Amino acid sequence: MDITAIAIVGIIGATVVSLTKHFSANRVPKAANDQMTIEYEKMQKDLLTMSKRLEVLEKIVTDEKYNLNKEFEALKD
């Protein structure tokens, strides 16, 4: 083996070790991943609930009776 081949094998080996350490350190444990999934699903459910509530509020605010009542209240003041 000549010196170039030894250098190439050394560089490749160091790269493999470095990549292995990097991916091992950044791996999310399964328990944390499961917790994140549960939290994500809860947030999706909350967002859907809030969207429905916002829809109802928009209907109330855009209703003509609401505007009329608001104008009557303004006239009383």
PDB file of N, CA and C in Angstrom:
ATOM      1  N   MET A   1       0.836  -1.169   0.000  1.00  0.00           N
ATOM      2  CA  MET A   1       0.000   0.000   0.000  1.00  0.00           C
ATOM      3  C   MET A   1       0.886   1.239   0.000  1.00  0.00           C
ATOM      4  N   ASP A   2       0.543   2.139  -0.831  1.00  0.00           N
ATOM      5  CA  ASP A   2       1.334   3.363  -0.825  1.00  0.00           C
ATOM      6  C   ASP A   2       0.729   4.393   0.126  1.00  0.00           C
ATOM      7  N   ILE A   3       1.389   5.462   0.341  1.00  0.00           N
ATOM      8  CA  ILE A   3       1.004   6.475   1.324  1.00  0.00           C
ATOM      9  C   ILE A   3      -0.318   7.149   0.969  1.00  0.00           C
ATOM     10  N   THR A   4      -0.623   7.304  -0.335  1.00  0.00           N
ATOM     11  CA  THR A   4      -1.872   7.942  -0.755  1.00  0.00           C
ATOM     12  C   THR A   4      -3.064   7.091  -0.339  1.00  0.00           C
ATOM     13  N   ALA A   5      -2.976   5.791  -0.525  1.00  0.00           N
ATOM     14  CA  ALA A   5      -4.066   4.897  -0.154  1.00  0.00           C
ATOM     15  C   ALA A   5      -4.293   4.920   1.353  1.00  0.00           C
ATOM     16  N   ILE A   6      -3.227   4.950   2.117  1.00  0.00           N
ATOM     17  CA  ILE A   6      -3.338   5.002   3.578  1.00  0.00           C
ATOM     18  C   ILE A   6      -4.016   6.300   4.016  1.00  0.00           C
ATOM     19  N   ALA A   7      -3.661   7.412   3.367  1.00  0.00           N
ATOM     20  CA  ALA A   7      -4.258   8.705   3.690  1.00  0.00           C
ATOM     21  C   ALA A   7      -5.752   8.711   3.364  1.00  0.00           C
ATOM     22  N   ILE A   8      -6.110   8.155   2.227  1.00  0.00           N
ATOM     23  CA  ILE A   8      -7.518   8.115   1.814  1.00  0.00           C
ATOM     24  C   ILE A   8      -8.334   7.262   2.785  1.00  0.00           C
ATOM     25  N   VAL A   9      -7.799   6.097   3.149  1.00  0.00           N
ATOM     26  CA  VAL A   9      -8.498   5.228   4.102  1.00  0.00           C
ATOM     27  C   VAL A   9      -8.644   5.934   5.448  1.00  0.00           C
ATOM     28  N   GLY A  10      -7.625   6.647   5.864  1.00  0.00           N
ATOM     29  CA  GLY A  10      -7.679   7.387   7.123  1.00  0.00           C
ATOM     30  C   GLY A  10      -8.739   8.486   7.094  1.00  0.00           C
ATOM     31  N   ILE A  11      -8.795   9.222   5.994  1.00  0.00           N
ATOM     32  CA  ILE A  11      -9.791  10.303   5.859  1.00  0.00           C
ATOM     33  C   ILE A  11     -11.200   9.737   5.853  1.00  0.00           C
ATOM     34  N   ILE A  12     -11.416   8.672   5.100  1.00  0.00           N
ATOM     35  CA  ILE A  12     -12.738   8.038   5.042  1.00  0.00           C
ATOM     36  C   ILE A  12     -13.130   7.505   6.416  1.00  0.00           C
ATOM     37  N   GLY A  13     -12.198   6.861   7.100  1.00  0.00           N
ATOM     38  CA  GLY A  13     -12.482   6.335   8.440  1.00  0.00           C
ATOM     39  C   GLY A  13     -12.846   7.447   9.414  1.00  0.00           C
ATOM     40  N   ALA A  14     -12.100   8.550   9.385  1.00  0.00           N
ATOM     41  CA  ALA A  14     -12.386   9.683  10.277  1.00  0.00           C
ATOM     42  C   ALA A  14     -13.755  10.286   9.966  1.00  0.00           C
ATOM     43  N   THR A  15     -14.095  10.348   8.688  1.00  0.00           N
ATOM     44  CA  THR A  15     -15.400  10.886   8.287  1.00  0.00           C
ATOM     45  C   THR A  15     -16.533   9.996   8.785  1.00  0.00           C
ATOM     46  N   VAL A  16     -16.377   8.690   8.649  1.00  0.00           N
ATOM     47  CA  VAL A  16     -17.405   7.747   9.115  1.00  0.00           C
ATOM     48  C   VAL A  16     -17.584   7.860  10.627  1.00  0.00           C
ATOM     49  N   VAL A  17     -16.497   7.935  11.362  1.00  0.00           N
ATOM     50  CA  VAL A  17     -16.570   8.074  12.821  1.00  0.00           C
ATOM     51  C   VAL A  17     -17.249   9.385  13.189  1.00  0.00           C
ATOM     52  N   SER A  18     -16.884  10.459  12.512  1.00  0.00           N
ATOM     53  CA  SER A  18     -17.466  11.769  12.788  1.00  0.00           C
ATOM     54  C   SER A  18     -18.971  11.773  12.508  1.00  0.00           C
ATOM     55  N   LEU A  19     -19.374  11.208  11.380  1.00  0.00           N
ATOM     56  CA  LEU A  19     -20.805  11.144  11.042  1.00  0.00           C
ATOM     57  C   LEU A  19     -21.573  10.277  12.030  1.00  0.00           C
ATOM     58  N   THR A  20     -20.997   9.184  12.448  1.00  0.00           N
ATOM     59  CA  THR A  20     -21.646   8.302  13.420  1.00  0.00           C
ATOM     60  C   THR A  20     -21.859   9.022  14.739  1.00  0.00           C
ATOM     61  N   LYS A  21     -20.857   9.743  15.203  1.00  0.00           N
ATOM     62  CA  LYS A  21     -20.990  10.515  16.453  1.00  0.00           C
ATOM     63  C   LYS A  21     -22.055  11.594  16.312  1.00  0.00           C
ATOM     64  N   HIS A  22     -22.058  12.275  15.174  1.00  0.00           N
ATOM     65  CA  HIS A  22     -23.013  13.354  14.953  1.00  0.00           C
ATOM     66  C   HIS A  22     -24.450  12.833  14.983  1.00  0.00           C
ATOM     67  N   PHE A  23     -24.732  11.765  14.252  1.00  0.00           N
ATOM     68  CA  PHE A  23     -26.097  11.241  14.194  1.00  0.00           C
ATOM     69  C   PHE A  23     -26.507  10.584  15.505  1.00  0.00           C
ATOM     70  N   SER A  24     -25.586  10.024  16.232  1.00  0.00           N
ATOM     71  CA  SER A  24     -25.905   9.434  17.533  1.00  0.00           C
ATOM     72  C   SER A  24     -26.255  10.514  18.547  1.00  0.00           C
ATOM     73  N   ALA A  25     -25.549  11.634  18.505  1.00  0.00           N
ATOM     74  CA  ALA A  25     -25.786  12.726  19.459  1.00  0.00           C
ATOM     75  C   ALA A  25     -27.091  13.448  19.169  1.00  0.00           C
ATOM     76  N   ASN A  26     -27.499  13.535  17.905  1.00  0.00           N
ATOM     77  CA  ASN A  26     -28.697  14.284  17.521  1.00  0.00           C
ATOM     78  C   ASN A  26     -29.952  13.429  17.415  1.00  0.00           C
ATOM     79  N   ARG A  27     -29.858  12.197  17.774  1.00  0.00           N
ATOM     80  CA  ARG A  27     -31.008  11.297  17.685  1.00  0.00           C
ATOM     81  C   ARG A  27     -31.958  11.581  18.837  1.00  0.00           C
ATOM     82  N   VAL A  28     -33.257  11.730  18.520  1.00  0.00           N
ATOM     83  CA  VAL A  28     -34.270  12.005  19.539  1.00  0.00           C
ATOM     84  C   VAL A  28     -34.725  10.676  20.134  1.00  0.00           C
ATOM     85  N   PRO A  29     -34.704  10.562  21.459  1.00  0.00           N
ATOM     86  CA  PRO A  29     -35.166   9.317  22.081  1.00  0.00           C
ATOM     87  C   PRO A  29     -36.638   9.047  21.750  1.00  0.00           C
ATOM     88  N   LYS A  30     -36.996   7.776  21.722  1.00  0.00           N
ATOM     89  CA  LYS A  30     -38.360   7.388  21.345  1.00  0.00           C
ATOM     90  C   LYS A  30     -39.385   7.989  22.294  1.00  0.00           C
ATOM     91  N   ALA A  31     -39.116   8.028  23.570  1.00  0.00           N
ATOM     92  CA  ALA A  31     -40.070   8.587  24.536  1.00  0.00           C
ATOM     93  C   ALA A  31     -40.320  10.062  24.248  1.00  0.00           C
ATOM     94  N   ALA A  32     -39.273  10.803  23.925  1.00  0.00           N
ATOM     95  CA  ALA A  32     -39.431  12.225  23.604  1.00  0.00           C
ATOM     96  C   ALA A  32     -40.200  12.395  22.302  1.00  0.00           C
ATOM     97  N   ASN A  33     -39.948  11.510  21.348  1.00  0.00           N
ATOM     98  CA  ASN A  33     -40.645  11.564  20.072  1.00  0.00           C
ATOM     99  C   ASN A  33     -42.133  11.282  20.278  1.00  0.00           C
ATOM    100  N   ASP A  34     -42.467  10.301  21.113  1.00  0.00           N
ATOM    101  CA  ASP A  34     -43.863   9.990  21.400  1.00  0.00           C
ATOM    102  C   ASP A  34     -44.542  11.166  22.084  1.00  0.00           C
ATOM    103  N   GLN A  35     -43.844  11.813  23.018  1.00  0.00           N
ATOM    104  CA  GLN A  35     -44.397  12.973  23.726  1.00  0.00           C
ATOM    105  C   GLN A  35     -44.662  14.115  22.750  1.00  0.00           C
ATOM    106  N   MET A  36     -43.733  14.323  21.803  1.00  0.00           N
ATOM    107  CA  MET A  36     -43.916  15.377  20.808  1.00  0.00           C
ATOM    108  C   MET A  36     -45.114  15.073  19.920  1.00  0.00           C
ATOM    109  N   THR A  37     -45.324  13.811  19.579  1.00  0.00           N
ATOM    110  CA  THR A  37     -46.470  13.419  18.761  1.00  0.00           C
ATOM    111  C   THR A  37     -47.770  13.687  19.507  1.00  0.00           C
ATOM    112  N   ILE A  38     -47.821  13.343  20.785  1.00  0.00           N
ATOM    113  CA  ILE A  38     -49.014  13.581  21.596  1.00  0.00           C
ATOM    114  C   ILE A  38     -49.299  15.083  21.679  1.00  0.00           C
ATOM    115  N   GLU A  39     -48.262  15.874  21.919  1.00  0.00           N
ATOM    116  CA  GLU A  39     -48.418  17.333  22.016  1.00  0.00           C
ATOM    117  C   GLU A  39     -48.886  17.919  20.691  1.00  0.00           C
ATOM    118  N   TYR A  40     -48.352  17.415  19.579  1.00  0.00           N
ATOM    119  CA  TYR A  40     -48.743  17.880  18.250  1.00  0.00           C
ATOM    120  C   TYR A  40     -50.215  17.591  17.996  1.00  0.00           C
ATOM    121  N   GLU A  41     -50.664  16.388  18.338  1.00  0.00           N
ATOM    122  CA  GLU A  41     -52.069  16.023  18.139  1.00  0.00           C
ATOM    123  C   GLU A  41     -52.987  16.883  19.005  1.00  0.00           C
ATOM    124  N   LYS A  42     -52.559  17.171  20.242  1.00  0.00           N
ATOM    125  CA  LYS A  42     -53.346  18.024  21.128  1.00  0.00           C
ATOM    126  C   LYS A  42     -53.456  19.427  20.546  1.00  0.00           C
ATOM    127  N   MET A  43     -52.357  19.943  20.017  1.00  0.00           N
ATOM    128  CA  MET A  43     -52.376  21.276  19.437  1.00  0.00           C
ATOM    129  C   MET A  43     -53.266  21.333  18.199  1.00  0.00           C
ATOM    130  N   GLN A  44     -53.268  20.270  17.401  1.00  0.00           N
ATOM    131  CA  GLN A  44     -54.147  20.210  16.234  1.00  0.00           C
ATOM    132  C   GLN A  44     -55.608  20.233  16.672  1.00  0.00           C
ATOM    133  N   LYS A  45     -55.935  19.472  17.706  1.00  0.00           N
ATOM    134  CA  LYS A  45     -57.303  19.426  18.220  1.00  0.00           C
ATOM    135  C   LYS A  45     -57.715  20.792  18.756  1.00  0.00           C
ATOM    136  N   ASP A  46     -56.827  21.442  19.504  1.00  0.00           N
ATOM    137  CA  ASP A  46     -57.116  22.775  20.037  1.00  0.00           C
ATOM    138  C   ASP A  46     -57.327  23.784  18.912  1.00  0.00           C
ATOM    139  N   LEU A  47     -56.512  23.700  17.880  1.00  0.00           N
ATOM    140  CA  LEU A  47     -56.633  24.611  16.752  1.00  0.00           C
ATOM    141  C   LEU A  47     -57.970  24.417  16.041  1.00  0.00           C
ATOM    142  N   LEU A  48     -58.388  23.177  15.872  1.00  0.00           N
ATOM    143  CA  LEU A  48     -59.675  22.897  15.243  1.00  0.00           C
ATOM    144  C   LEU A  48     -60.818  23.459  16.088  1.00  0.00           C
ATOM    145  N   THR A  49     -60.740  23.280  17.405  1.00  0.00           N
ATOM    146  CA  THR A  49     -61.760  23.813  18.307  1.00  0.00           C
ATOM    147  C   THR A  49     -61.822  25.331  18.207  1.00  0.00           C
ATOM    148  N   MET A  50     -60.666  25.974  18.216  1.00  0.00           N
ATOM    149  CA  MET A  50     -60.626  27.438  18.124  1.00  0.00           C
ATOM    150  C   MET A  50     -61.144  27.936  16.785  1.00  0.00           C
ATOM    151  N   SER A  51     -60.866  27.200  15.727  1.00  0.00           N
ATOM    152  CA  SER A  51     -61.366  27.588  14.408  1.00  0.00           C
ATOM    153  C   SER A  51     -62.888  27.556  14.378  1.00  0.00           C
ATOM    154  N   LYS A  52     -63.460  26.522  14.981  1.00  0.00           N
ATOM    155  CA  LYS A  52     -64.917  26.424  15.029  1.00  0.00           C
ATOM    156  C   LYS A  52     -65.510  27.561  15.855  1.00  0.00           C
ATOM    157  N   ARG A  53     -64.884  27.879  16.976  1.00  0.00           N
ATOM    158  CA  ARG A  53     -65.367  28.977  17.821  1.00  0.00           C
ATOM    159  C   ARG A  53     -65.257  30.312  17.086  1.00  0.00           C
ATOM    160  N   LEU A  54     -64.174  30.513  16.356  1.00  0.00           N
ATOM    161  CA  LEU A  54     -63.992  31.738  15.592  1.00  0.00           C
ATOM    162  C   LEU A  54     -65.067  31.863  14.515  1.00  0.00           C
ATOM    163  N   GLU A  55     -65.408  30.751  13.898  1.00  0.00           N
ATOM    164  CA  GLU A  55     -66.451  30.734  12.885  1.00  0.00           C
ATOM    165  C   GLU A  55     -67.782  31.213  13.483  1.00  0.00           C
ATOM    166  N   VAL A  56     -68.112  30.719  14.671  1.00  0.00           N
ATOM    167  CA  VAL A  56     -69.344  31.119  15.342  1.00  0.00           C
ATOM    168  C   VAL A  56     -69.307  32.607  15.672  1.00  0.00           C
ATOM    169  N   LEU A  57     -68.185  33.068  16.188  1.00  0.00           N
ATOM    170  CA  LEU A  57     -68.061  34.488  16.515  1.00  0.00           C
ATOM    171  C   LEU A  57     -68.177  35.375  15.276  1.00  0.00           C
ATOM    172  N   GLU A  58     -67.620  34.936  14.165  1.00  0.00           N
ATOM    173  CA  GLU A  58     -67.740  35.701  12.925  1.00  0.00           C
ATOM    174  C   GLU A  58     -69.193  35.796  12.487  1.00  0.00           C
ATOM    175  N   LYS A  59     -69.925  34.709  12.648  1.00  0.00           N
ATOM    176  CA  LYS A  59     -71.346  34.729  12.281  1.00  0.00           C
ATOM    177  C   LYS A  59     -72.112  35.710  13.165  1.00  0.00           C
ATOM    178  N   ILE A  60     -71.790  35.722  14.455  1.00  0.00           N
ATOM    179  CA  ILE A  60     -72.477  36.626  15.378  1.00  0.00           C
ATOM    180  C   ILE A  60     -72.163  38.079  15.037  1.00  0.00           C
ATOM    181  N   VAL A  61     -70.911  38.376  14.822  1.00  0.00           N
ATOM    182  CA  VAL A  61     -70.495  39.758  14.575  1.00  0.00           C
ATOM    183  C   VAL A  61     -71.008  40.274  13.236  1.00  0.00           C
ATOM    184  N   THR A  62     -71.100  39.431  12.252  1.00  0.00           N
ATOM    185  CA  THR A  62     -71.565  39.874  10.932  1.00  0.00           C
ATOM    186  C   THR A  62     -73.081  39.828  10.813  1.00  0.00           C
ATOM    187  N   ASP A  63     -73.762  39.357  11.831  1.00  0.00           N
ATOM    188  CA  ASP A  63     -75.213  39.308  11.818  1.00  0.00           C
ATOM    189  C   ASP A  63     -75.773  40.731  11.883  1.00  0.00           C
ATOM    190  N   GLU A  64     -76.807  41.011  11.092  1.00  0.00           N
ATOM    191  CA  GLU A  64     -77.398  42.350  11.055  1.00  0.00           C
ATOM    192  C   GLU A  64     -77.988  42.737  12.408  1.00  0.00           C
ATOM    193  N   LYS A  65     -78.571  41.807  13.124  1.00  0.00           N
ATOM    194  CA  LYS A  65     -79.161  42.109  14.427  1.00  0.00           C
ATOM    195  C   LYS A  65     -78.083  42.575  15.405  1.00  0.00           C
ATOM    196  N   TYR A  66     -76.915  41.981  15.318  1.00  0.00           N
ATOM    197  CA  TYR A  66     -75.815  42.377  16.200  1.00  0.00           C
ATOM    198  C   TYR A  66     -75.444  43.834  15.931  1.00  0.00           C
ATOM    199  N   ASN A  67     -75.301  44.171  14.647  1.00  0.00           N
ATOM    200  CA  ASN A  67     -74.961  45.554  14.291  1.00  0.00           C
ATOM    201  C   ASN A  67     -76.044  46.514  14.727  1.00  0.00           C
ATOM    202  N   LEU A  68     -77.297  46.135  14.550  1.00  0.00           N
ATOM    203  CA  LEU A  68     -78.415  46.985  14.939  1.00  0.00           C
ATOM    204  C   LEU A  68     -78.420  47.200  16.446  1.00  0.00           C
ATOM    205  N   ASN A  69     -78.238  46.136  17.214  1.00  0.00           N
ATOM    206  CA  ASN A  69     -78.186  46.267  18.671  1.00  0.00           C
ATOM    207  C   ASN A  69     -77.013  47.141  19.103  1.00  0.00           C
ATOM    208  N   LYS A  70     -75.900  47.009  18.421  1.00  0.00           N
ATOM    209  CA  LYS A  70     -74.725  47.817  18.738  1.00  0.00           C
ATOM    210  C   LYS A  70     -75.019  49.300  18.483  1.00  0.00           C
ATOM    211  N   GLU A  71     -75.720  49.589  17.408  1.00  0.00           N
ATOM    212  CA  GLU A  71     -76.080  50.968  17.104  1.00  0.00           C
ATOM    213  C   GLU A  71     -77.068  51.531  18.133  1.00  0.00           C
ATOM    214  N   PHE A  72     -78.028  50.699  18.568  1.00  0.00           N
ATOM    215  CA  PHE A  72     -78.966  51.138  19.614  1.00  0.00           C
ATOM    216  C   PHE A  72     -78.215  51.460  20.906  1.00  0.00           C
ATOM    217  N   GLU A  73     -77.263  50.619  21.249  1.00  0.00           N
ATOM    218  CA  GLU A  73     -76.472  50.872  22.462  1.00  0.00           C
ATOM    219  C   GLU A  73     -75.676  52.167  22.329  1.00  0.00           C
ATOM    220  N   ALA A  74     -75.146  52.442  21.156  1.00  0.00           N
ATOM    221  CA  ALA A  74     -74.393  53.673  20.929  1.00  0.00           C
ATOM    222  C   ALA A  74     -75.311  54.890  21.047  1.00  0.00           C
ATOM    223  N   LEU A  75     -76.550  54.767  20.581  1.00  0.00           N
ATOM    224  CA  LEU A  75     -77.481  55.865  20.670  1.00  0.00           C
ATOM    225  C   LEU A  75     -77.898  56.138  22.114  1.00  0.00           C
ATOM    226  N   LYS A  76     -77.972  55.094  22.935  1.00  0.00           N
ATOM    227  CA  LYS A  76     -78.339  55.268  24.343  1.00  0.00           C
ATOM    228  C   LYS A  76     -77.279  56.080  25.072  1.00  0.00           C
ATOM    229  N   ASP A  77     -76.031  55.904  24.691  1.00  0.00           N
ATOM    230  CA  ASP A  77     -74.929  56.613  25.354  1.00  0.00           C
ATOM    231  C   ASP A  77     -74.929  58.004  24.870  1.00  0.00           C
TER     232      ASP A  77
END
